[in-house]
N, C-alpha and C. Protein backbone atom coordinates (compact mmCIF):
# COMPACT_ATOMS: atom_id res chain seq x y z
N CYS A 1 -21.93 37.25 23.85
CA CYS A 1 -22.40 37.67 25.01
C CYS A 1 -21.77 39.36 24.63
N THR A 2 -22.67 40.31 25.13
CA THR A 2 -22.11 41.96 25.03
C THR A 2 -22.25 42.44 25.85
N LEU A 3 -21.54 43.83 26.46
CA LEU A 3 -20.91 44.31 27.23
C LEU A 3 -22.51 44.49 28.02
N ASP A 4 -22.88 43.85 29.72
CA ASP A 4 -23.75 44.46 30.32
C ASP A 4 -24.75 43.05 29.85
N SER A 5 -24.70 41.85 29.32
CA SER A 5 -25.29 40.95 29.46
C SER A 5 -25.35 40.28 30.81
N GLU A 6 -26.28 39.99 30.99
CA GLU A 6 -26.60 38.78 31.72
C GLU A 6 -26.62 37.27 31.73
N VAL A 7 -25.64 36.57 32.09
CA VAL A 7 -25.13 35.63 32.15
C VAL A 7 -25.45 34.45 33.27
N ALA A 8 -25.53 33.23 33.24
CA ALA A 8 -25.82 32.76 34.10
C ALA A 8 -24.07 31.24 33.97
N LEU A 9 -23.65 31.06 35.60
CA LEU A 9 -22.73 30.34 35.30
C LEU A 9 -22.83 29.39 36.07
N ARG A 10 -22.71 27.91 36.13
CA ARG A 10 -22.49 27.06 37.16
C ARG A 10 -21.27 25.95 37.11
N VAL A 11 -20.51 25.84 38.16
CA VAL A 11 -19.35 25.15 38.64
C VAL A 11 -19.99 23.77 39.51
N GLY A 12 -19.50 22.98 38.35
CA GLY A 12 -19.29 21.73 39.34
C GLY A 12 -21.31 20.89 39.40
N GLY A 13 -21.34 19.79 39.95
CA GLY A 13 -22.49 19.48 40.08
C GLY A 13 -22.76 18.37 39.26
N ASP A 14 -24.28 18.33 39.09
CA ASP A 14 -25.28 17.85 37.71
C ASP A 14 -25.56 18.53 36.87
N PHE A 15 -25.11 18.74 35.65
CA PHE A 15 -25.70 19.33 34.75
C PHE A 15 -25.76 18.78 33.37
N PHE A 16 -27.01 19.51 32.59
CA PHE A 16 -26.95 19.10 31.16
C PHE A 16 -27.73 20.10 30.15
N PHE A 17 -27.60 19.94 29.16
CA PHE A 17 -28.55 20.63 28.35
C PHE A 17 -29.36 19.96 27.41
N ASP A 18 -30.66 19.95 27.21
CA ASP A 18 -31.92 19.52 27.23
C ASP A 18 -33.01 20.35 26.85
N PRO A 19 -32.68 20.78 25.46
CA PRO A 19 -33.48 21.66 25.07
C PRO A 19 -35.06 20.92 24.59
N GLN A 20 -36.22 21.84 24.52
CA GLN A 20 -37.34 20.67 24.19
C GLN A 20 -38.03 21.61 22.82
N PRO A 21 -38.34 20.83 22.26
CA PRO A 21 -39.45 21.55 21.04
C PRO A 21 -39.95 22.46 21.52
N GLY A 22 -39.89 23.78 21.06
CA GLY A 22 -40.99 24.80 21.37
C GLY A 22 -39.96 25.90 22.02
N ASP A 23 -39.11 25.72 22.52
CA ASP A 23 -38.21 26.45 23.68
C ASP A 23 -37.40 27.31 22.67
N SER A 24 -37.21 28.56 23.20
CA SER A 24 -36.62 29.54 22.55
C SER A 24 -35.43 28.95 22.36
N PRO A 25 -34.97 29.57 21.16
CA PRO A 25 -33.61 29.19 21.38
C PRO A 25 -32.32 29.96 21.94
N VAL A 26 -31.00 29.05 22.38
CA VAL A 26 -30.61 29.77 23.49
C VAL A 26 -28.93 29.93 22.82
N ASN A 27 -28.14 30.76 23.24
CA ASN A 27 -26.83 30.53 22.95
C ASN A 27 -25.96 30.26 24.17
N LEU A 28 -25.26 29.08 23.97
CA LEU A 28 -24.57 28.88 25.16
C LEU A 28 -23.19 29.24 24.76
N VAL A 29 -22.45 29.53 26.04
CA VAL A 29 -20.78 29.47 26.35
C VAL A 29 -20.62 28.46 27.49
N LEU A 30 -19.98 27.59 26.62
CA LEU A 30 -19.31 26.53 27.82
C LEU A 30 -17.93 26.77 28.04
N ILE A 31 -17.30 26.71 28.88
CA ILE A 31 -16.19 26.88 29.53
C ILE A 31 -15.43 25.75 30.23
N ALA A 32 -14.34 24.76 29.67
CA ALA A 32 -13.70 24.10 30.41
C ALA A 32 -12.15 24.07 30.38
N GLY A 33 -11.59 23.21 31.53
CA GLY A 33 -10.16 23.51 31.73
C GLY A 33 -9.87 21.85 31.61
N GLY A 34 -8.77 21.73 31.19
CA GLY A 34 -8.53 20.11 31.67
C GLY A 34 -9.57 19.29 30.66
N VAL A 35 -9.72 18.71 32.09
CA VAL A 35 -10.49 17.14 31.86
C VAL A 35 -11.59 17.41 32.05
N GLY A 36 -11.63 18.73 32.52
CA GLY A 36 -13.25 18.84 33.08
C GLY A 36 -13.95 19.48 31.33
N ILE A 37 -13.02 18.88 30.49
CA ILE A 37 -13.75 19.02 29.22
C ILE A 37 -15.19 18.27 28.80
N ASN A 38 -14.93 16.62 29.95
CA ASN A 38 -16.16 15.57 29.24
C ASN A 38 -17.21 15.76 29.17
N PRO A 39 -17.94 16.64 30.41
CA PRO A 39 -19.50 16.85 30.61
C PRO A 39 -19.75 17.55 29.59
N LEU A 40 -18.82 18.33 28.79
CA LEU A 40 -19.30 19.85 28.24
C LEU A 40 -18.92 19.28 26.80
N PHE A 41 -18.14 18.42 26.58
CA PHE A 41 -17.92 17.59 24.72
C PHE A 41 -19.30 16.59 24.74
N SER A 42 -19.91 15.76 25.87
CA SER A 42 -21.04 15.30 25.68
C SER A 42 -22.35 16.78 25.13
N ILE A 43 -22.29 17.71 26.00
CA ILE A 43 -23.18 18.42 25.67
C ILE A 43 -22.89 19.23 24.24
N LEU A 44 -21.70 19.06 23.71
CA LEU A 44 -21.79 19.52 22.10
C LEU A 44 -22.05 18.50 21.24
N LEU A 45 -21.60 17.32 21.61
CA LEU A 45 -22.15 16.21 20.82
C LEU A 45 -23.81 16.10 20.59
N HIS A 46 -24.24 16.46 22.01
CA HIS A 46 -26.10 16.31 21.48
C HIS A 46 -26.39 17.56 20.70
N ILE A 47 -25.37 18.93 20.68
CA ILE A 47 -25.76 19.87 19.89
C ILE A 47 -25.68 19.23 18.74
N ALA A 48 -24.52 18.79 18.02
CA ALA A 48 -24.37 18.15 16.92
C ALA A 48 -25.66 17.67 16.33
N ASP A 49 -26.24 16.84 17.17
CA ASP A 49 -26.95 15.60 16.97
C ASP A 49 -28.39 16.34 16.47
N LEU A 50 -28.60 17.60 17.98
CA LEU A 50 -29.61 18.46 17.23
C LEU A 50 -30.15 19.06 15.93
N HIS A 51 -28.59 19.84 15.46
CA HIS A 51 -28.45 20.14 14.50
C HIS A 51 -28.54 19.31 13.47
N GLY A 52 -27.68 18.26 13.50
CA GLY A 52 -27.89 17.26 12.17
C GLY A 52 -29.24 17.04 11.86
N TYR A 53 -30.21 16.68 13.28
CA TYR A 53 -31.57 15.81 13.20
C TYR A 53 -32.54 17.09 12.32
N GLN A 54 -32.19 18.72 13.49
CA GLN A 54 -32.81 19.56 12.38
C GLN A 54 -32.74 19.77 11.06
N GLU A 55 -31.58 19.53 10.17
CA GLU A 55 -31.04 20.05 9.13
C GLU A 55 -31.64 18.48 7.99
N GLY A 56 -31.62 17.74 8.95
CA GLY A 56 -32.15 16.02 7.83
C GLY A 56 -33.53 16.18 8.18
N LYS A 57 -34.05 16.21 9.51
CA LYS A 57 -35.47 15.99 9.20
C LYS A 57 -36.41 16.73 9.53
N GLY A 58 -36.07 18.11 9.62
CA GLY A 58 -37.05 19.35 9.84
C GLY A 58 -37.53 18.80 11.50
N ASN A 59 -36.76 18.75 12.14
CA ASN A 59 -37.69 18.76 13.77
C ASN A 59 -37.80 20.29 14.29
N ARG A 60 -38.33 20.18 15.34
CA ARG A 60 -39.05 21.50 15.84
C ARG A 60 -38.07 22.43 16.90
N HIS A 61 -37.07 21.71 17.22
CA HIS A 61 -35.80 22.35 18.09
C HIS A 61 -35.58 23.54 17.32
N LYS A 62 -35.60 24.92 18.06
CA LYS A 62 -34.89 25.97 17.71
C LYS A 62 -33.49 26.06 18.43
N LEU A 63 -32.72 25.92 17.42
CA LEU A 63 -31.24 26.44 18.26
C LEU A 63 -30.24 27.26 18.17
N GLY A 64 -29.68 27.65 19.26
CA GLY A 64 -28.77 28.90 19.03
C GLY A 64 -27.37 28.75 18.61
N THR A 65 -26.70 29.22 19.08
CA THR A 65 -25.13 29.10 18.99
C THR A 65 -24.54 28.00 20.11
N ALA A 66 -23.19 27.65 19.82
CA ALA A 66 -22.75 26.75 20.97
C ALA A 66 -21.07 27.24 20.57
N LYS A 67 -20.30 28.00 21.69
CA LYS A 67 -19.38 28.75 21.57
C LYS A 67 -18.28 27.76 22.82
N LEU A 68 -16.98 27.24 22.70
CA LEU A 68 -16.73 26.48 23.70
C LEU A 68 -15.49 27.46 23.54
N TYR A 69 -15.04 27.88 25.44
CA TYR A 69 -13.81 27.75 25.52
C TYR A 69 -13.01 26.72 26.37
N TYR A 70 -11.83 26.58 26.05
CA TYR A 70 -11.16 25.16 26.35
C TYR A 70 -9.90 25.39 26.62
N SER A 71 -9.30 25.55 27.87
CA SER A 71 -8.02 25.81 28.52
C SER A 71 -7.30 24.65 29.02
N ALA A 72 -5.79 24.54 28.00
CA ALA A 72 -4.98 23.14 29.28
C ALA A 72 -3.63 24.02 28.82
N LYS A 73 -2.48 23.25 29.53
CA LYS A 73 -1.25 23.63 29.55
C LYS A 73 -0.55 23.59 28.23
N ASN A 74 -1.23 22.32 27.43
CA ASN A 74 -0.31 22.77 25.62
C ASN A 74 -1.53 22.04 24.72
N THR A 75 -1.07 22.48 23.62
CA THR A 75 -2.04 21.64 23.00
C THR A 75 -2.71 19.96 22.71
N SER A 76 -1.03 19.25 23.54
CA SER A 76 -1.47 17.54 23.32
C SER A 76 -2.58 17.58 24.59
N GLU A 77 -2.52 18.21 25.63
CA GLU A 77 -3.72 17.93 26.67
C GLU A 77 -4.91 18.43 26.26
N LEU A 78 -4.79 18.85 24.99
CA LEU A 78 -6.48 19.44 24.60
C LEU A 78 -7.35 18.06 24.49
N LEU A 79 -7.97 17.49 25.02
CA LEU A 79 -9.19 16.37 24.54
C LEU A 79 -9.95 16.55 23.95
N PHE A 80 -10.28 15.58 23.04
CA PHE A 80 -11.20 15.93 21.99
C PHE A 80 -10.99 17.17 20.83
N LYS A 81 -9.97 17.38 20.64
CA LYS A 81 -9.41 18.63 19.95
C LYS A 81 -10.01 18.12 18.40
N GLN A 82 -9.56 16.94 18.16
CA GLN A 82 -9.81 16.84 16.97
C GLN A 82 -11.65 16.84 16.35
N ASN A 83 -12.14 16.09 17.32
CA ASN A 83 -13.63 16.12 17.26
C ASN A 83 -13.99 17.05 17.46
N ILE A 84 -13.75 18.14 18.02
CA ILE A 84 -14.16 19.74 18.23
C ILE A 84 -14.24 20.00 16.86
N LEU A 85 -12.92 19.94 16.33
CA LEU A 85 -12.49 20.62 15.04
C LEU A 85 -13.50 20.33 13.75
N GLY A 86 -14.11 18.54 14.18
CA GLY A 86 -14.94 18.05 13.31
C GLY A 86 -16.12 18.64 12.87
N LEU A 87 -16.75 19.08 14.79
CA LEU A 87 -17.98 19.84 14.58
C LEU A 87 -18.26 20.84 14.22
N MET A 88 -17.28 21.71 14.40
CA MET A 88 -16.83 23.21 13.67
C MET A 88 -17.07 22.95 12.20
N LYS A 89 -16.57 22.17 11.52
CA LYS A 89 -16.29 21.81 10.41
C LYS A 89 -17.66 21.96 9.69
N ALA A 90 -18.60 20.72 10.61
CA ALA A 90 -19.83 20.17 10.03
C ALA A 90 -20.92 21.16 10.30
N PHE A 91 -20.69 22.03 11.41
CA PHE A 91 -21.88 22.91 11.58
C PHE A 91 -21.10 24.28 11.96
N PRO A 92 -20.57 24.88 10.32
CA PRO A 92 -19.99 26.06 10.65
C PRO A 92 -20.93 27.30 11.14
N GLY A 93 -20.49 28.30 12.43
CA GLY A 93 -20.93 29.26 12.68
C GLY A 93 -22.25 28.78 13.82
N LYS A 94 -22.39 27.20 13.99
CA LYS A 94 -23.43 27.16 14.98
C LYS A 94 -22.29 26.57 15.99
N ILE A 95 -21.39 25.87 15.85
CA ILE A 95 -20.59 25.70 16.63
C ILE A 95 -19.19 25.91 17.00
N LYS A 96 -18.36 26.90 17.63
CA LYS A 96 -17.16 27.30 17.53
C LYS A 96 -16.33 27.41 18.97
N CYS A 97 -15.32 27.26 18.53
CA CYS A 97 -14.28 26.88 19.76
C CYS A 97 -13.33 27.70 19.62
N CYS A 98 -12.92 28.12 21.05
CA CYS A 98 -11.28 28.84 20.78
C CYS A 98 -10.51 28.04 22.05
N PHE A 99 -9.33 27.40 21.60
CA PHE A 99 -8.57 26.78 22.39
C PHE A 99 -7.56 27.71 23.18
N HIS A 100 -7.42 27.91 24.40
CA HIS A 100 -6.39 28.36 24.93
C HIS A 100 -5.78 27.43 26.20
N VAL A 101 -4.05 27.77 25.41
CA VAL A 101 -2.93 27.03 25.82
C VAL A 101 -1.96 28.05 26.86
N THR A 102 -1.58 27.60 27.88
CA THR A 102 -1.06 28.22 28.78
C THR A 102 0.62 28.26 28.52
N GLN A 103 0.80 26.99 28.59
CA GLN A 103 2.76 26.85 28.58
C GLN A 103 3.25 26.13 27.32
N GLN A 104 2.46 26.19 26.28
CA GLN A 104 2.87 25.24 24.75
C GLN A 104 4.22 26.46 24.31
N ARG A 105 5.13 25.15 24.66
CA ARG A 105 6.84 25.28 24.02
C ARG A 105 7.13 25.02 22.67
N SER A 106 6.07 23.76 22.15
CA SER A 106 6.60 23.26 20.66
C SER A 106 6.03 24.06 19.96
N HIS A 107 6.19 24.28 18.64
CA HIS A 107 5.20 24.70 17.39
C HIS A 107 3.64 23.96 17.48
N ILE A 108 2.65 25.24 17.47
CA ILE A 108 1.29 24.89 17.29
C ILE A 108 0.94 24.21 15.67
N SER A 109 0.25 22.96 15.51
CA SER A 109 -0.10 22.93 14.05
C SER A 109 -0.74 23.49 13.70
N GLU A 110 -0.85 23.72 12.10
CA GLU A 110 -1.40 24.95 11.36
C GLU A 110 -3.09 24.78 11.48
N GLU A 111 -3.28 23.51 11.64
CA GLU A 111 -4.93 23.09 11.73
C GLU A 111 -5.69 23.96 13.07
N LEU A 112 -5.03 23.73 14.05
CA LEU A 112 -5.02 24.21 15.40
C LEU A 112 -4.85 25.95 15.80
N GLN A 113 -3.84 26.47 14.62
CA GLN A 113 -3.38 28.04 14.90
C GLN A 113 -4.62 28.70 15.36
N PRO A 114 -5.37 28.83 14.03
CA PRO A 114 -6.44 29.71 13.89
C PRO A 114 -7.44 29.88 15.62
N HIS A 115 -7.61 28.60 16.24
CA HIS A 115 -8.23 28.37 17.19
C HIS A 115 -7.40 28.36 18.41
N ILE A 116 -6.35 29.10 18.59
CA ILE A 116 -5.44 28.85 19.45
C ILE A 116 -4.87 30.38 20.06
N THR A 117 -5.26 30.81 21.12
CA THR A 117 -5.13 31.95 22.10
C THR A 117 -3.87 31.67 23.25
N GLY A 118 -3.50 32.55 23.93
CA GLY A 118 -2.23 32.21 24.70
C GLY A 118 -0.91 31.66 24.19
N LYS A 119 -0.26 31.68 25.00
CA LYS A 119 0.93 30.61 25.01
C LYS A 119 2.07 30.24 25.74
């Protein structure tokens, strides 16, 4: 998003991401805290599946980027962090993540450091 961009936010309830072939591509910004990552991780997996299918079989889905902002007290409470790092490596530039930790007291691993903000 850029300054003055219009965005839609949704908190709670039933939500999903199900783009149809021929839809215009959209860029997603997903925001999660703690265990709230569960449904958003499913959306990331779906996006990864569509990107993989698109690259392998030439499907008609036009996908934008997905950026996840995920916050927890410390890195040990970041659920699925290894899976998310794997998705970013598999789909560079298409799936991105920024982890935010609020109360980290111990050393942050080298692998996570480039993606961590806060302390």
